[in-house]
Each structure stands twice: as C-alpha cells, then as structure tokens.
Amino acid sequence: MACWACTLPADVLKSRVQIAPEGTYPRGVRDAFRQLVKQEGVAGLFKGVVPVMIRAFPANAGVFLGYEIAMKFFSWISPE
C-alpha cells in the first residue's frame, strides 16, 4: 500500500497521457502535470486512491499466498 501511495501520482499522469487525444500533451508527462495541477490542484495527482488502496491489500496478500504455496510445492517435489 505504501508503494502505491508513492507511485500513484506517476500512474495518474501516465494514464492521462495515454487516454488523451494525440497532440493534447506535446511534452508528454510534463504538460500533463502542469495542466492537472493547474485545474485540480495537487490532490488531482491522487485521484482514484481509494479503489487502489482497497485493491492493494488483497492483491498483495494473494501474491504472498501464491509464493508460499509455490515454495511448499517445490519443497515437496525436491526435498533437501
């Protein structure tokens, strides 16, 4: 969850550039950043934070569960 809090602003900017019509942001992320902060303030960089955080916990838990199951499976196949 802490990782998403740090990377969400970059992800928001990337998504804006990707979905914008061609030519909207001639300098890419820099123009998207300027326009977003001008129109919505710094809080605009964190749009969608609630669904991302709700998703982050179960998604990461699933990754750790998959890792632990895989490690037990490999230990079972090839005990040392």
PDB file of N, CA and C in Angstrom:
ATOM      1  N   MET A   1       0.827  -1.184   0.000  1.00  0.00           N
ATOM      2  CA  MET A   1       0.000   0.000   0.000  1.00  0.00           C
ATOM      3  C   MET A   1       0.879   1.258   0.000  1.00  0.00           C
ATOM      4  N   ALA A   2       1.985   1.195   0.736  1.00  0.00           N
ATOM      5  CA  ALA A   2       2.897   2.337   0.762  1.00  0.00           C
ATOM      6  C   ALA A   2       3.501   2.572  -0.624  1.00  0.00           C
ATOM      7  N   CYS A   3       3.786   1.494  -1.317  1.00  0.00           N
ATOM      8  CA  CYS A   3       4.331   1.611  -2.678  1.00  0.00           C
ATOM      9  C   CYS A   3       3.343   2.323  -3.592  1.00  0.00           C
ATOM     10  N   TRP A   4       2.065   1.951  -3.513  1.00  0.00           N
ATOM     11  CA  TRP A   4       1.057   2.596  -4.353  1.00  0.00           C
ATOM     12  C   TRP A   4       0.905   4.068  -4.007  1.00  0.00           C
ATOM     13  N   ALA A   5       1.008   4.409  -2.720  1.00  0.00           N
ATOM     14  CA  ALA A   5       0.898   5.814  -2.327  1.00  0.00           C
ATOM     15  C   ALA A   5       2.005   6.640  -2.980  1.00  0.00           C
ATOM     16  N   CYS A   6       3.173   6.042  -3.138  1.00  0.00           N
ATOM     17  CA  CYS A   6       4.300   6.749  -3.757  1.00  0.00           C
ATOM     18  C   CYS A   6       4.199   6.801  -5.279  1.00  0.00           C
ATOM     19  N   THR A   7       3.668   5.748  -5.871  1.00  0.00           N
ATOM     20  CA  THR A   7       3.663   5.669  -7.331  1.00  0.00           C
ATOM     21  C   THR A   7       2.363   6.144  -7.974  1.00  0.00           C
ATOM     22  N   LEU A   8       1.323   6.379  -7.180  1.00  0.00           N
ATOM     23  CA  LEU A   8       0.033   6.775  -7.754  1.00  0.00           C
ATOM     24  C   LEU A   8       0.104   8.054  -8.583  1.00  0.00           C
ATOM     25  N   PRO A   9       0.782   9.119  -8.121  1.00  0.00           N
ATOM     26  CA  PRO A   9       0.836  10.325  -8.968  1.00  0.00           C
ATOM     27  C   PRO A   9       1.420  10.061 -10.358  1.00  0.00           C
ATOM     28  N   ALA A  10       2.482   9.284 -10.437  1.00  0.00           N
ATOM     29  CA  ALA A  10       3.065   8.967 -11.746  1.00  0.00           C
ATOM     30  C   ALA A  10       2.103   8.139 -12.580  1.00  0.00           C
ATOM     31  N   ASP A  11       1.375   7.235 -11.938  1.00  0.00           N
ATOM     32  CA  ASP A  11       0.419   6.396 -12.649  1.00  0.00           C
ATOM     33  C   ASP A  11      -0.750   7.227 -13.182  1.00  0.00           C
ATOM     34  N   VAL A  12      -1.205   8.194 -12.397  1.00  0.00           N
ATOM     35  CA  VAL A  12      -2.285   9.083 -12.847  1.00  0.00           C
ATOM     36  C   VAL A  12      -1.837   9.866 -14.070  1.00  0.00           C
ATOM     37  N   LEU A  13      -0.629  10.408 -14.019  1.00  0.00           N
ATOM     38  CA  LEU A  13      -0.118  11.176 -15.161  1.00  0.00           C
ATOM     39  C   LEU A  13       0.047  10.290 -16.390  1.00  0.00           C
ATOM     40  N   LYS A  14       0.584   9.096 -16.205  1.00  0.00           N
ATOM     41  CA  LYS A  14       0.755   8.166 -17.325  1.00  0.00           C
ATOM     42  C   LYS A  14      -0.583   7.850 -17.973  1.00  0.00           C
ATOM     43  N   SER A  15      -1.581   7.606 -17.147  1.00  0.00           N
ATOM     44  CA  SER A  15      -2.910   7.272 -17.671  1.00  0.00           C
ATOM     45  C   SER A  15      -3.513   8.444 -18.432  1.00  0.00           C
ATOM     46  N   ARG A  16      -3.317   9.650 -17.910  1.00  0.00           N
ATOM     47  CA  ARG A  16      -3.838  10.836 -18.611  1.00  0.00           C
ATOM     48  C   ARG A  16      -3.207  10.995 -19.987  1.00  0.00           C
ATOM     49  N   VAL A  17      -1.907  10.793 -20.055  1.00  0.00           N
ATOM     50  CA  VAL A  17      -1.215  10.924 -21.337  1.00  0.00           C
ATOM     51  C   VAL A  17      -1.687   9.836 -22.297  1.00  0.00           C
ATOM     52  N   GLN A  18      -1.895   8.619 -21.795  1.00  0.00           N
ATOM     53  CA  GLN A  18      -2.291   7.508 -22.653  1.00  0.00           C
ATOM     54  C   GLN A  18      -3.686   7.692 -23.240  1.00  0.00           C
ATOM     55  N   ILE A  19      -4.618   8.234 -22.447  1.00  0.00           N
ATOM     56  CA  ILE A  19      -6.002   8.322 -22.935  1.00  0.00           C
ATOM     57  C   ILE A  19      -6.309   9.631 -23.657  1.00  0.00           C
ATOM     58  N   ALA A  20      -5.405  10.595 -23.585  1.00  0.00           N
ATOM     59  CA  ALA A  20      -5.636  11.890 -24.226  1.00  0.00           C
ATOM     60  C   ALA A  20      -5.515  11.766 -25.746  1.00  0.00           C
ATOM     61  N   PRO A  21      -6.311  12.550 -26.463  1.00  0.00           N
ATOM     62  CA  PRO A  21      -6.144  12.575 -27.920  1.00  0.00           C
ATOM     63  C   PRO A  21      -4.733  13.037 -28.288  1.00  0.00           C
ATOM     64  N   GLU A  22      -4.249  12.550 -29.384  1.00  0.00           N
ATOM     65  CA  GLU A  22      -2.890  12.876 -29.811  1.00  0.00           C
ATOM     66  C   GLU A  22      -2.724  14.381 -29.950  1.00  0.00           C
ATOM     67  N   GLY A  23      -1.621  14.898 -29.431  1.00  0.00           N
ATOM     68  CA  GLY A  23      -1.330  16.325 -29.504  1.00  0.00           C
ATOM     69  C   GLY A  23      -1.801  17.114 -28.292  1.00  0.00           C
ATOM     70  N   THR A  24      -2.539  16.485 -27.382  1.00  0.00           N
ATOM     71  CA  THR A  24      -3.028  17.192 -26.200  1.00  0.00           C
ATOM     72  C   THR A  24      -1.875  17.590 -25.286  1.00  0.00           C
ATOM     73  N   TYR A  25      -0.932  16.700 -25.127  1.00  0.00           N
ATOM     74  CA  TYR A  25       0.232  16.945 -24.268  1.00  0.00           C
ATOM     75  C   TYR A  25       1.496  16.816 -25.119  1.00  0.00           C
ATOM     76  N   PRO A  26       1.903  17.896 -25.798  1.00  0.00           N
ATOM     77  CA  PRO A  26       3.061  17.803 -26.694  1.00  0.00           C
ATOM     78  C   PRO A  26       4.355  17.385 -25.991  1.00  0.00           C
ATOM     79  N   ARG A  27       4.526  17.786 -24.733  1.00  0.00           N
ATOM     80  CA  ARG A  27       5.731  17.406 -23.991  1.00  0.00           C
ATOM     81  C   ARG A  27       5.466  16.257 -23.038  1.00  0.00           C
ATOM     82  N   GLY A  28       4.399  15.534 -23.274  1.00  0.00           N
ATOM     83  CA  GLY A  28       4.120  14.334 -22.510  1.00  0.00           C
ATOM     84  C   GLY A  28       3.724  14.603 -21.067  1.00  0.00           C
ATOM     85  N   VAL A  29       4.371  13.884 -20.170  1.00  0.00           N
ATOM     86  CA  VAL A  29       4.015  13.915 -18.745  1.00  0.00           C
ATOM     87  C   VAL A  29       4.196  15.311 -18.151  1.00  0.00           C
ATOM     88  N   ARG A  30       5.182  16.054 -18.624  1.00  0.00           N
ATOM     89  CA  ARG A  30       5.397  17.414 -18.077  1.00  0.00           C
ATOM     90  C   ARG A  30       4.183  18.298 -18.323  1.00  0.00           C
ATOM     91  N   ASP A  31       3.637  18.254 -19.540  1.00  0.00           N
ATOM     92  CA  ASP A  31       2.442  19.045 -19.837  1.00  0.00           C
ATOM     93  C   ASP A  31       1.226  18.521 -19.075  1.00  0.00           C
ATOM     94  N   ALA A  32       1.121  17.219 -18.967  1.00  0.00           N
ATOM     95  CA  ALA A  32       0.004  16.635 -18.219  1.00  0.00           C
ATOM     96  C   ALA A  32       0.069  17.070 -16.758  1.00  0.00           C
ATOM     97  N   PHE A  33       1.260  17.082 -16.187  1.00  0.00           N
ATOM     98  CA  PHE A  33       1.431  17.503 -14.794  1.00  0.00           C
ATOM     99  C   PHE A  33       1.004  18.959 -14.614  1.00  0.00           C
ATOM    100  N   ARG A  34       1.511  19.831 -15.470  1.00  0.00           N
ATOM    101  CA  ARG A  34       1.175  21.258 -15.357  1.00  0.00           C
ATOM    102  C   ARG A  34      -0.331  21.484 -15.452  1.00  0.00           C
ATOM    103  N   GLN A  35      -0.961  20.853 -16.437  1.00  0.00           N
ATOM    104  CA  GLN A  35      -2.391  21.056 -16.642  1.00  0.00           C
ATOM    105  C   GLN A  35      -3.205  20.474 -15.486  1.00  0.00           C
ATOM    106  N   LEU A  36      -2.840  19.311 -15.012  1.00  0.00           N
ATOM    107  CA  LEU A  36      -3.571  18.677 -13.916  1.00  0.00           C
ATOM    108  C   LEU A  36      -3.483  19.507 -12.640  1.00  0.00           C
ATOM    109  N   VAL A  37      -2.284  19.948 -12.278  1.00  0.00           N
ATOM    110  CA  VAL A  37      -2.117  20.741 -11.057  1.00  0.00           C
ATOM    111  C   VAL A  37      -2.818  22.091 -11.189  1.00  0.00           C
ATOM    112  N   LYS A  38      -2.787  22.667 -12.376  1.00  0.00           N
ATOM    113  CA  LYS A  38      -3.457  23.951 -12.611  1.00  0.00           C
ATOM    114  C   LYS A  38      -4.970  23.815 -12.457  1.00  0.00           C
ATOM    115  N   GLN A  39      -5.553  22.739 -13.002  1.00  0.00           N
ATOM    116  CA  GLN A  39      -7.011  22.568 -12.984  1.00  0.00           C
ATOM    117  C   GLN A  39      -7.533  21.968 -11.681  1.00  0.00           C
ATOM    118  N   GLU A  40      -6.818  20.999 -11.118  1.00  0.00           N
ATOM    119  CA  GLU A  40      -7.350  20.250  -9.978  1.00  0.00           C
ATOM    120  C   GLU A  40      -6.514  20.369  -8.715  1.00  0.00           C
ATOM    121  N   GLY A  41      -5.379  21.006  -8.801  1.00  0.00           N
ATOM    122  CA  GLY A  41      -4.503  21.108  -7.641  1.00  0.00           C
ATOM    123  C   GLY A  41      -3.708  19.822  -7.455  1.00  0.00           C
ATOM    124  N   VAL A  42      -2.888  19.797  -6.423  1.00  0.00           N
ATOM    125  CA  VAL A  42      -2.037  18.638  -6.149  1.00  0.00           C
ATOM    126  C   VAL A  42      -2.886  17.407  -5.836  1.00  0.00           C
ATOM    127  N   ALA A  43      -4.066  17.611  -5.262  1.00  0.00           N
ATOM    128  CA  ALA A  43      -4.957  16.484  -4.937  1.00  0.00           C
ATOM    129  C   ALA A  43      -5.353  15.700  -6.193  1.00  0.00           C
ATOM    130  N   GLY A  44      -5.332  16.345  -7.348  1.00  0.00           N
ATOM    131  CA  GLY A  44      -5.649  15.661  -8.596  1.00  0.00           C
ATOM    132  C   GLY A  44      -4.689  14.531  -8.920  1.00  0.00           C
ATOM    133  N   LEU A  45      -3.470  14.616  -8.377  1.00  0.00           N
ATOM    134  CA  LEU A  45      -2.489  13.555  -8.596  1.00  0.00           C
ATOM    135  C   LEU A  45      -2.871  12.270  -7.870  1.00  0.00           C
ATOM    136  N   PHE A  46      -3.781  12.375  -6.917  1.00  0.00           N
ATOM    137  CA  PHE A  46      -4.170  11.215  -6.123  1.00  0.00           C
ATOM    138  C   PHE A  46      -5.598  10.765  -6.424  1.00  0.00           C
ATOM    139  N   LYS A  47      -6.100  11.113  -7.614  1.00  0.00           N
ATOM    140  CA  LYS A  47      -7.430  10.652  -7.998  1.00  0.00           C
ATOM    141  C   LYS A  47      -7.430   9.128  -8.089  1.00  0.00           C
ATOM    142  N   GLY A  48      -8.440   8.528  -7.496  1.00  0.00           N
ATOM    143  CA  GLY A  48      -8.545   7.076  -7.544  1.00  0.00           C
ATOM    144  C   GLY A  48      -7.790   6.371  -6.440  1.00  0.00           C
ATOM    145  N   VAL A  49      -7.346   7.105  -5.426  1.00  0.00           N
ATOM    146  CA  VAL A  49      -6.544   6.488  -4.366  1.00  0.00           C
ATOM    147  C   VAL A  49      -7.351   5.470  -3.557  1.00  0.00           C
ATOM    148  N   VAL A  50      -8.629   5.708  -3.350  1.00  0.00           N
ATOM    149  CA  VAL A  50      -9.426   4.787  -2.532  1.00  0.00           C
ATOM    150  C   VAL A  50      -9.544   3.412  -3.186  1.00  0.00           C
ATOM    151  N   PRO A  51      -9.974   3.307  -4.452  1.00  0.00           N
ATOM    152  CA  PRO A  51     -10.037   1.970  -5.050  1.00  0.00           C
ATOM    153  C   PRO A  51      -8.676   1.276  -5.143  1.00  0.00           C
ATOM    154  N   VAL A  52      -7.632   2.061  -5.390  1.00  0.00           N
ATOM    155  CA  VAL A  52      -6.290   1.475  -5.478  1.00  0.00           C
ATOM    156  C   VAL A  52      -5.884   0.880  -4.137  1.00  0.00           C
ATOM    157  N   MET A  53      -6.151   1.586  -3.057  1.00  0.00           N
ATOM    158  CA  MET A  53      -5.786   1.081  -1.730  1.00  0.00           C
ATOM    159  C   MET A  53      -6.655  -0.107  -1.321  1.00  0.00           C
ATOM    160  N   ILE A  54      -7.921  -0.075  -1.689  1.00  0.00           N
ATOM    161  CA  ILE A  54      -8.797  -1.213  -1.383  1.00  0.00           C
ATOM    162  C   ILE A  54      -8.303  -2.452  -2.122  1.00  0.00           C
ATOM    163  N   ARG A  55      -7.850  -2.270  -3.342  1.00  0.00           N
ATOM    164  CA  ARG A  55      -7.355  -3.388  -4.144  1.00  0.00           C
ATOM    165  C   ARG A  55      -5.964  -3.850  -3.699  1.00  0.00           C
ATOM    166  N   ALA A  56      -5.145  -2.946  -3.203  1.00  0.00           N
ATOM    167  CA  ALA A  56      -3.752  -3.254  -2.898  1.00  0.00           C
ATOM    168  C   ALA A  56      -3.605  -4.346  -1.844  1.00  0.00           C
ATOM    169  N   PHE A  57      -4.377  -4.269  -0.787  1.00  0.00           N
ATOM    170  CA  PHE A  57      -4.201  -5.246   0.293  1.00  0.00           C
ATOM    171  C   PHE A  57      -4.501  -6.668  -0.170  1.00  0.00           C
ATOM    172  N   PRO A  58      -5.698  -6.956  -0.739  1.00  0.00           N
ATOM    173  CA  PRO A  58      -5.949  -8.338  -1.158  1.00  0.00           C
ATOM    174  C   PRO A  58      -5.041  -8.799  -2.304  1.00  0.00           C
ATOM    175  N   ALA A  59      -4.666  -7.891  -3.196  1.00  0.00           N
ATOM    176  CA  ALA A  59      -3.793  -8.285  -4.306  1.00  0.00           C
ATOM    177  C   ALA A  59      -2.423  -8.705  -3.786  1.00  0.00           C
ATOM    178  N   ASN A  60      -1.862  -7.932  -2.875  1.00  0.00           N
ATOM    179  CA  ASN A  60      -0.554  -8.286  -2.315  1.00  0.00           C
ATOM    180  C   ASN A  60      -0.645  -9.526  -1.446  1.00  0.00           C
ATOM    181  N   ALA A  61      -1.740  -9.686  -0.738  1.00  0.00           N
ATOM    182  CA  ALA A  61      -1.925 -10.898   0.064  1.00  0.00           C
ATOM    183  C   ALA A  61      -1.960 -12.129  -0.849  1.00  0.00           C
ATOM    184  N   GLY A  62      -2.608 -12.005  -1.996  1.00  0.00           N
ATOM    185  CA  GLY A  62      -2.649 -13.108  -2.957  1.00  0.00           C
ATOM    186  C   GLY A  62      -1.273 -13.454  -3.494  1.00  0.00           C
ATOM    187  N   VAL A  63      -0.467 -12.446  -3.726  1.00  0.00           N
ATOM    188  CA  VAL A  63       0.901 -12.684  -4.210  1.00  0.00           C
ATOM    189  C   VAL A  63       1.704 -13.455  -3.159  1.00  0.00           C
ATOM    190  N   PHE A  64       1.627 -13.028  -1.919  1.00  0.00           N
ATOM    191  CA  PHE A  64       2.365 -13.717  -0.860  1.00  0.00           C
ATOM    192  C   PHE A  64       1.839 -15.136  -0.655  1.00  0.00           C
ATOM    193  N   LEU A  65       0.533 -15.321  -0.731  1.00  0.00           N
ATOM    194  CA  LEU A  65      -0.041 -16.656  -0.607  1.00  0.00           C
ATOM    195  C   LEU A  65       0.455 -17.550  -1.739  1.00  0.00           C
ATOM    196  N   GLY A  66       0.439 -17.042  -2.965  1.00  0.00           N
ATOM    197  CA  GLY A  66       0.943 -17.810  -4.104  1.00  0.00           C
ATOM    198  C   GLY A  66       2.407 -18.177  -3.943  1.00  0.00           C
ATOM    199  N   TYR A  67       3.197 -17.264  -3.430  1.00  0.00           N
ATOM    200  CA  TYR A  67       4.620 -17.530  -3.202  1.00  0.00           C
ATOM    201  C   TYR A  67       4.798 -18.641  -2.181  1.00  0.00           C
ATOM    202  N   GLU A  68       4.080 -18.553  -1.075  1.00  0.00           N
ATOM    203  CA  GLU A  68       4.215 -19.567  -0.025  1.00  0.00           C
ATOM    204  C   GLU A  68       3.753 -20.939  -0.515  1.00  0.00           C
ATOM    205  N   ILE A  69       2.671 -20.996  -1.258  1.00  0.00           N
ATOM    206  CA  ILE A  69       2.187 -22.271  -1.795  1.00  0.00           C
ATOM    207  C   ILE A  69       3.207 -22.849  -2.768  1.00  0.00           C
ATOM    208  N   ALA A  70       3.758 -21.997  -3.635  1.00  0.00           N
ATOM    209  CA  ALA A  70       4.770 -22.460  -4.591  1.00  0.00           C
ATOM    210  C   ALA A  70       6.002 -22.990  -3.872  1.00  0.00           C
ATOM    211  N   MET A  71       6.450 -22.306  -2.833  1.00  0.00           N
ATOM    212  CA  MET A  71       7.625 -22.770  -2.091  1.00  0.00           C
ATOM    213  C   MET A  71       7.363 -24.116  -1.417  1.00  0.00           C
ATOM    214  N   LYS A  72       6.176 -24.294  -0.847  1.00  0.00           N
ATOM    215  CA  LYS A  72       5.845 -25.582  -0.228  1.00  0.00           C
ATOM    216  C   LYS A  72       5.778 -26.681  -1.288  1.00  0.00           C
ATOM    217  N   PHE A  73       5.225 -26.359  -2.458  1.00  0.00           N
ATOM    218  CA  PHE A  73       5.131 -27.325  -3.542  1.00  0.00           C
ATOM    219  C   PHE A  73       6.521 -27.737  -4.004  1.00  0.00           C
ATOM    220  N   PHE A  74       7.404 -26.776  -4.196  1.00  0.00           N
ATOM    221  CA  PHE A  74       8.763 -27.103  -4.647  1.00  0.00           C
ATOM    222  C   PHE A  74       9.530 -27.891  -3.598  1.00  0.00           C
ATOM    223  N   SER A  75       9.301 -27.573  -2.336  1.00  0.00           N
ATOM    224  CA  SER A  75       9.937 -28.351  -1.250  1.00  0.00           C
ATOM    225  C   SER A  75       9.419 -29.774  -1.235  1.00  0.00           C
ATOM    226  N   TRP A  76       8.159 -29.955  -1.553  1.00  0.00           N
ATOM    227  CA  TRP A  76       7.558 -31.286  -1.591  1.00  0.00           C
ATOM    228  C   TRP A  76       8.120 -32.110  -2.760  1.00  0.00           C
ATOM    229  N   ILE A  77       8.300 -31.438  -3.926  1.00  0.00           N
ATOM    230  CA  ILE A  77       8.811 -32.097  -5.117  1.00  0.00           C
ATOM    231  C   ILE A  77      10.285 -32.468  -4.940  1.00  0.00           C
ATOM    232  N   SER A  78      11.052 -31.555  -4.403  1.00  0.00           N
ATOM    233  CA  SER A  78      12.500 -31.745  -4.299  1.00  0.00           C
ATOM    234  C   SER A  78      12.964 -31.447  -2.875  1.00  0.00           C
ATOM    235  N   PRO A  79      12.718 -32.373  -1.949  1.00  0.00           N
ATOM    236  CA  PRO A  79      13.147 -32.122  -0.567  1.00  0.00           C
ATOM    237  C   PRO A  79      14.675 -32.172  -0.454  1.00  0.00           C
ATOM    238  N   GLU A  80      15.207 -31.329   0.376  1.00  0.00           N
ATOM    239  CA  GLU A  80      16.658 -31.308   0.560  1.00  0.00           C
ATOM    240  C   GLU A  80      17.004 -31.564   2.002  1.00  0.00           C
TER     241      GLU A  80
END
